[in-house]
Amino acid sequence: MPRRATLRAADSDREHVAERLRNATAEGRLHPNELEERLETTFSARSYGELDAVVADLPRPPARSRRPAVHPWMVLAAALGLAVAIPLLLLILAAVLFVVLPVAATLAFWLAVCWWFFGHRGRPIPRVYRGRRRMYLTRF
């Protein structure tokens, strides 16, 4: 596997190094005349080794965060989602508490009353005795 210094650099790599040099000049790390010399070297460089030599005495830029940026539209979407979801959940809870539960309780009450008056005492099956044998009359 070839070393990085011998690999050929692309135009985007040269532009990246040129941007680093411009930022270093804006920070006061390079003199404008030195910037011109280094930019000429940068745009004539063919390998990563030559580009690394141009920025070797400059501090490395801070590493980028891998965390995605939070866009304002994401914040707006989350706020609108909460603004819709919370009242909807409260409406469902109110419907359950004030509509479904009373109806279910009323139905359960009337079922219990009907069962008490009409169903809790089972009707005995008539028995007919013939000799020693016990026969039950059933309907088929």
C-alpha atoms as a PDB file:
ATOM      1  CA  MET A   1       0.000   0.000   0.000  1.00  0.00           C
ATOM      2  CA  PRO A   2       1.526   3.332  -1.024  1.00  0.00           C
ATOM      3  CA  ARG A   3       2.299   5.914   1.605  1.00  0.00           C
ATOM      4  CA  ARG A   4       0.100   8.978   1.772  1.00  0.00           C
ATOM      5  CA  ALA A   5       2.985  11.315   0.851  1.00  0.00           C
ATOM      6  CA  THR A   6       3.363   9.653  -2.550  1.00  0.00           C
ATOM      7  CA  LEU A   7      -0.306   9.641  -3.508  1.00  0.00           C
ATOM      8  CA  ARG A   8      -1.433  12.223  -6.044  1.00  0.00           C
ATOM      9  CA  ALA A   9      -3.529  15.096  -4.724  1.00  0.00           C
ATOM     10  CA  ALA A  10      -6.804  16.216  -6.280  1.00  0.00           C
ATOM     11  CA  ASP A  11      -7.930  19.764  -7.013  1.00  0.00           C
ATOM     12  CA  SER A  12     -10.271  19.647  -4.021  1.00  0.00           C
ATOM     13  CA  ASP A  13      -7.284  18.792  -1.781  1.00  0.00           C
ATOM     14  CA  ARG A  14      -5.383  21.790  -3.125  1.00  0.00           C
ATOM     15  CA  GLU A  15      -8.400  24.036  -2.520  1.00  0.00           C
ATOM     16  CA  HIS A  16      -8.669  22.720   1.038  1.00  0.00           C
ATOM     17  CA  VAL A  17      -5.013  23.562   1.736  1.00  0.00           C
ATOM     18  CA  ALA A  18      -5.435  26.992   0.112  1.00  0.00           C
ATOM     19  CA  GLU A  19      -8.403  27.670   2.398  1.00  0.00           C
ATOM     20  CA  ARG A  20      -6.309  26.659   5.405  1.00  0.00           C
ATOM     21  CA  LEU A  21      -3.599  29.099   4.294  1.00  0.00           C
ATOM     22  CA  ARG A  22      -6.127  31.923   3.844  1.00  0.00           C
ATOM     23  CA  ASN A  23      -7.566  31.253   7.326  1.00  0.00           C
ATOM     24  CA  ALA A  24      -4.051  31.255   8.808  1.00  0.00           C
ATOM     25  CA  THR A  25      -3.383  34.635   7.168  1.00  0.00           C
ATOM     26  CA  ALA A  26      -6.671  36.014   8.531  1.00  0.00           C
ATOM     27  CA  GLU A  27      -5.650  34.799  12.020  1.00  0.00           C
ATOM     28  CA  GLY A  28      -2.274  36.546  11.663  1.00  0.00           C
ATOM     29  CA  ARG A  29      -0.149  33.389  11.460  1.00  0.00           C
ATOM     30  CA  LEU A  30       1.135  34.150   7.944  1.00  0.00           C
ATOM     31  CA  HIS A  31       2.271  37.334   6.235  1.00  0.00           C
ATOM     32  CA  PRO A  32       0.418  38.159   2.981  1.00  0.00           C
ATOM     33  CA  ASN A  33       3.645  37.830   0.961  1.00  0.00           C
ATOM     34  CA  GLU A  34       4.227  34.387   2.465  1.00  0.00           C
ATOM     35  CA  LEU A  35       0.639  33.493   1.607  1.00  0.00           C
ATOM     36  CA  GLU A  36       1.271  34.233  -2.080  1.00  0.00           C
ATOM     37  CA  GLU A  37       4.390  32.044  -2.118  1.00  0.00           C
ATOM     38  CA  ARG A  38       2.630  29.168  -0.391  1.00  0.00           C
ATOM     39  CA  LEU A  39      -0.419  29.416  -2.663  1.00  0.00           C
ATOM     40  CA  GLU A  40       1.852  29.111  -5.728  1.00  0.00           C
ATOM     41  CA  THR A  41       3.460  26.045  -4.169  1.00  0.00           C
ATOM     42  CA  THR A  42       0.067  24.631  -3.256  1.00  0.00           C
ATOM     43  CA  PHE A  43      -1.406  24.898  -6.748  1.00  0.00           C
ATOM     44  CA  SER A  44       1.702  23.429  -8.344  1.00  0.00           C
ATOM     45  CA  ALA A  45       1.878  20.507  -5.873  1.00  0.00           C
ATOM     46  CA  ARG A  46       1.222  17.018  -7.259  1.00  0.00           C
ATOM     47  CA  SER A  47       1.265  14.804  -4.165  1.00  0.00           C
ATOM     48  CA  TYR A  48      -0.012  14.884  -0.615  1.00  0.00           C
ATOM     49  CA  GLY A  49       3.580  15.080   0.626  1.00  0.00           C
ATOM     50  CA  GLU A  50       4.097  18.424  -1.116  1.00  0.00           C
ATOM     51  CA  LEU A  51       0.799  19.755   0.253  1.00  0.00           C
ATOM     52  CA  ASP A  52       1.655  18.590   3.777  1.00  0.00           C
ATOM     53  CA  ALA A  53       4.988  20.423   3.567  1.00  0.00           C
ATOM     54  CA  VAL A  54       3.180  23.700   2.756  1.00  0.00           C
ATOM     55  CA  VAL A  55       1.097  23.569   5.968  1.00  0.00           C
ATOM     56  CA  ALA A  56       3.537  21.676   8.200  1.00  0.00           C
ATOM     57  CA  ASP A  57       4.286  24.686  10.458  1.00  0.00           C
ATOM     58  CA  LEU A  58       0.613  25.634  10.900  1.00  0.00           C
ATOM     59  CA  PRO A  59      -1.597  24.201  13.663  1.00  0.00           C
ATOM     60  CA  ARG A  60      -4.088  21.585  12.596  1.00  0.00           C
ATOM     61  CA  PRO A  61      -7.675  22.747  12.278  1.00  0.00           C
ATOM     62  CA  PRO A  62     -10.004  21.493  15.010  1.00  0.00           C
ATOM     63  CA  ALA A  63     -11.605  18.140  14.285  1.00  0.00           C
ATOM     64  CA  ARG A  64     -15.152  18.351  13.028  1.00  0.00           C
ATOM     65  CA  SER A  65     -17.906  17.042  15.199  1.00  0.00           C
ATOM     66  CA  ARG A  66     -19.537  13.925  13.786  1.00  0.00           C
ATOM     67  CA  ARG A  67     -22.797  14.921  15.349  1.00  0.00           C
ATOM     68  CA  PRO A  68     -25.196  16.313  12.738  1.00  0.00           C
ATOM     69  CA  ALA A  69     -26.126  19.940  13.018  1.00  0.00           C
ATOM     70  CA  VAL A  70     -29.563  20.812  14.317  1.00  0.00           C
ATOM     71  CA  HIS A  71     -31.383  22.821  11.708  1.00  0.00           C
ATOM     72  CA  PRO A  72     -33.998  25.415  12.627  1.00  0.00           C
ATOM     73  CA  TRP A  73     -36.647  23.546  10.644  1.00  0.00           C
ATOM     74  CA  MET A  74     -36.027  20.469  12.831  1.00  0.00           C
ATOM     75  CA  VAL A  75     -36.660  22.527  15.959  1.00  0.00           C
ATOM     76  CA  LEU A  76     -39.791  24.015  14.397  1.00  0.00           C
ATOM     77  CA  ALA A  77     -41.064  20.570  13.375  1.00  0.00           C
ATOM     78  CA  ALA A  78     -40.496  19.202  16.884  1.00  0.00           C
ATOM     79  CA  ALA A  79     -42.271  22.175  18.467  1.00  0.00           C
ATOM     80  CA  LEU A  80     -45.241  21.851  16.107  1.00  0.00           C
ATOM     81  CA  GLY A  81     -45.359  18.111  16.700  1.00  0.00           C
ATOM     82  CA  LEU A  82     -45.540  18.647  20.447  1.00  0.00           C
ATOM     83  CA  ALA A  83     -48.099  21.407  20.018  1.00  0.00           C
ATOM     84  CA  VAL A  84     -50.341  18.954  18.164  1.00  0.00           C
ATOM     85  CA  ALA A  85     -49.550  15.761  20.104  1.00  0.00           C
ATOM     86  CA  ILE A  86     -50.135  17.061  23.642  1.00  0.00           C
ATOM     87  CA  PRO A  87     -53.677  18.429  23.072  1.00  0.00           C
ATOM     88  CA  LEU A  88     -54.545  15.289  21.093  1.00  0.00           C
ATOM     89  CA  LEU A  89     -53.426  13.051  23.961  1.00  0.00           C
ATOM     90  CA  LEU A  90     -55.371  15.170  26.446  1.00  0.00           C
ATOM     91  CA  LEU A  91     -58.471  14.926  24.247  1.00  0.00           C
ATOM     92  CA  ILE A  92     -58.166  11.137  24.085  1.00  0.00           C
ATOM     93  CA  LEU A  93     -57.690  10.946  27.854  1.00  0.00           C
ATOM     94  CA  ALA A  94     -60.738  13.148  28.436  1.00  0.00           C
ATOM     95  CA  ALA A  95     -62.811  11.008  26.070  1.00  0.00           C
ATOM     96  CA  VAL A  96     -61.803   7.873  27.937  1.00  0.00           C
ATOM     97  CA  LEU A  97     -62.474   9.369  31.361  1.00  0.00           C
ATOM     98  CA  PHE A  98     -65.732  11.166  30.607  1.00  0.00           C
ATOM     99  CA  VAL A  99     -67.324   9.048  27.870  1.00  0.00           C
ATOM    100  CA  VAL A 100     -66.024   5.495  27.707  1.00  0.00           C
ATOM    101  CA  LEU A 101     -65.713   4.788  31.434  1.00  0.00           C
ATOM    102  CA  PRO A 102     -69.200   6.047  32.397  1.00  0.00           C
ATOM    103  CA  VAL A 103     -70.794   4.098  29.553  1.00  0.00           C
ATOM    104  CA  ALA A 104     -68.900   0.963  30.536  1.00  0.00           C
ATOM    105  CA  ALA A 105     -69.796   1.435  34.213  1.00  0.00           C
ATOM    106  CA  THR A 106     -73.481   1.918  33.373  1.00  0.00           C
ATOM    107  CA  LEU A 107     -73.483  -1.163  31.169  1.00  0.00           C
ATOM    108  CA  ALA A 108     -71.771  -3.209  33.884  1.00  0.00           C
ATOM    109  CA  PHE A 109     -74.319  -1.989  36.459  1.00  0.00           C
ATOM    110  CA  TRP A 110     -77.308  -3.001  34.320  1.00  0.00           C
ATOM    111  CA  LEU A 111     -75.736  -6.350  33.480  1.00  0.00           C
ATOM    112  CA  ALA A 112     -75.269  -7.012  37.203  1.00  0.00           C
ATOM    113  CA  VAL A 113     -78.866  -6.002  37.967  1.00  0.00           C
ATOM    114  CA  CYS A 114     -80.253  -8.221  35.208  1.00  0.00           C
ATOM    115  CA  TRP A 115     -78.088 -11.128  36.292  1.00  0.00           C
ATOM    116  CA  TRP A 116     -79.256 -10.680  39.913  1.00  0.00           C
ATOM    117  CA  PHE A 117     -82.925 -10.715  39.052  1.00  0.00           C
ATOM    118  CA  PHE A 118     -82.970 -13.190  36.183  1.00  0.00           C
ATOM    119  CA  GLY A 119     -79.861 -15.296  36.030  1.00  0.00           C
ATOM    120  CA  HIS A 120     -78.072 -15.891  39.255  1.00  0.00           C
ATOM    121  CA  ARG A 121     -80.379 -18.723  40.348  1.00  0.00           C
ATOM    122  CA  GLY A 122     -80.003 -21.591  37.943  1.00  0.00           C
ATOM    123  CA  ARG A 123     -83.100 -23.551  36.996  1.00  0.00           C
ATOM    124  CA  PRO A 124     -82.909 -27.146  38.160  1.00  0.00           C
ATOM    125  CA  ILE A 125     -83.058 -29.808  35.492  1.00  0.00           C
ATOM    126  CA  PRO A 126     -86.156 -31.975  36.032  1.00  0.00           C
ATOM    127  CA  ARG A 127     -85.250 -35.450  37.196  1.00  0.00           C
ATOM    128  CA  VAL A 128     -87.219 -38.561  36.524  1.00  0.00           C
ATOM    129  CA  TYR A 129     -86.598 -41.621  38.614  1.00  0.00           C
ATOM    130  CA  ARG A 130     -87.282 -45.006  37.118  1.00  0.00           C
ATOM    131  CA  GLY A 131     -86.369 -47.710  39.464  1.00  0.00           C
ATOM    132  CA  ARG A 132     -82.820 -47.365  40.670  1.00  0.00           C
ATOM    133  CA  ARG A 133     -81.619 -45.535  37.630  1.00  0.00           C
ATOM    134  CA  ARG A 134     -81.505 -41.758  37.550  1.00  0.00           C
ATOM    135  CA  MET A 135     -82.261 -40.132  34.199  1.00  0.00           C
ATOM    136  CA  TYR A 136     -82.033 -36.485  33.394  1.00  0.00           C
ATOM    137  CA  LEU A 137     -84.286 -34.937  30.855  1.00  0.00           C
ATOM    138  CA  THR A 138     -82.366 -32.775  28.493  1.00  0.00           C
ATOM    139  CA  ARG A 139     -83.133 -31.152  25.212  1.00  0.00           C
ATOM    140  CA  PHE A 140     -81.156 -32.013  22.109  1.00  0.00           C
END
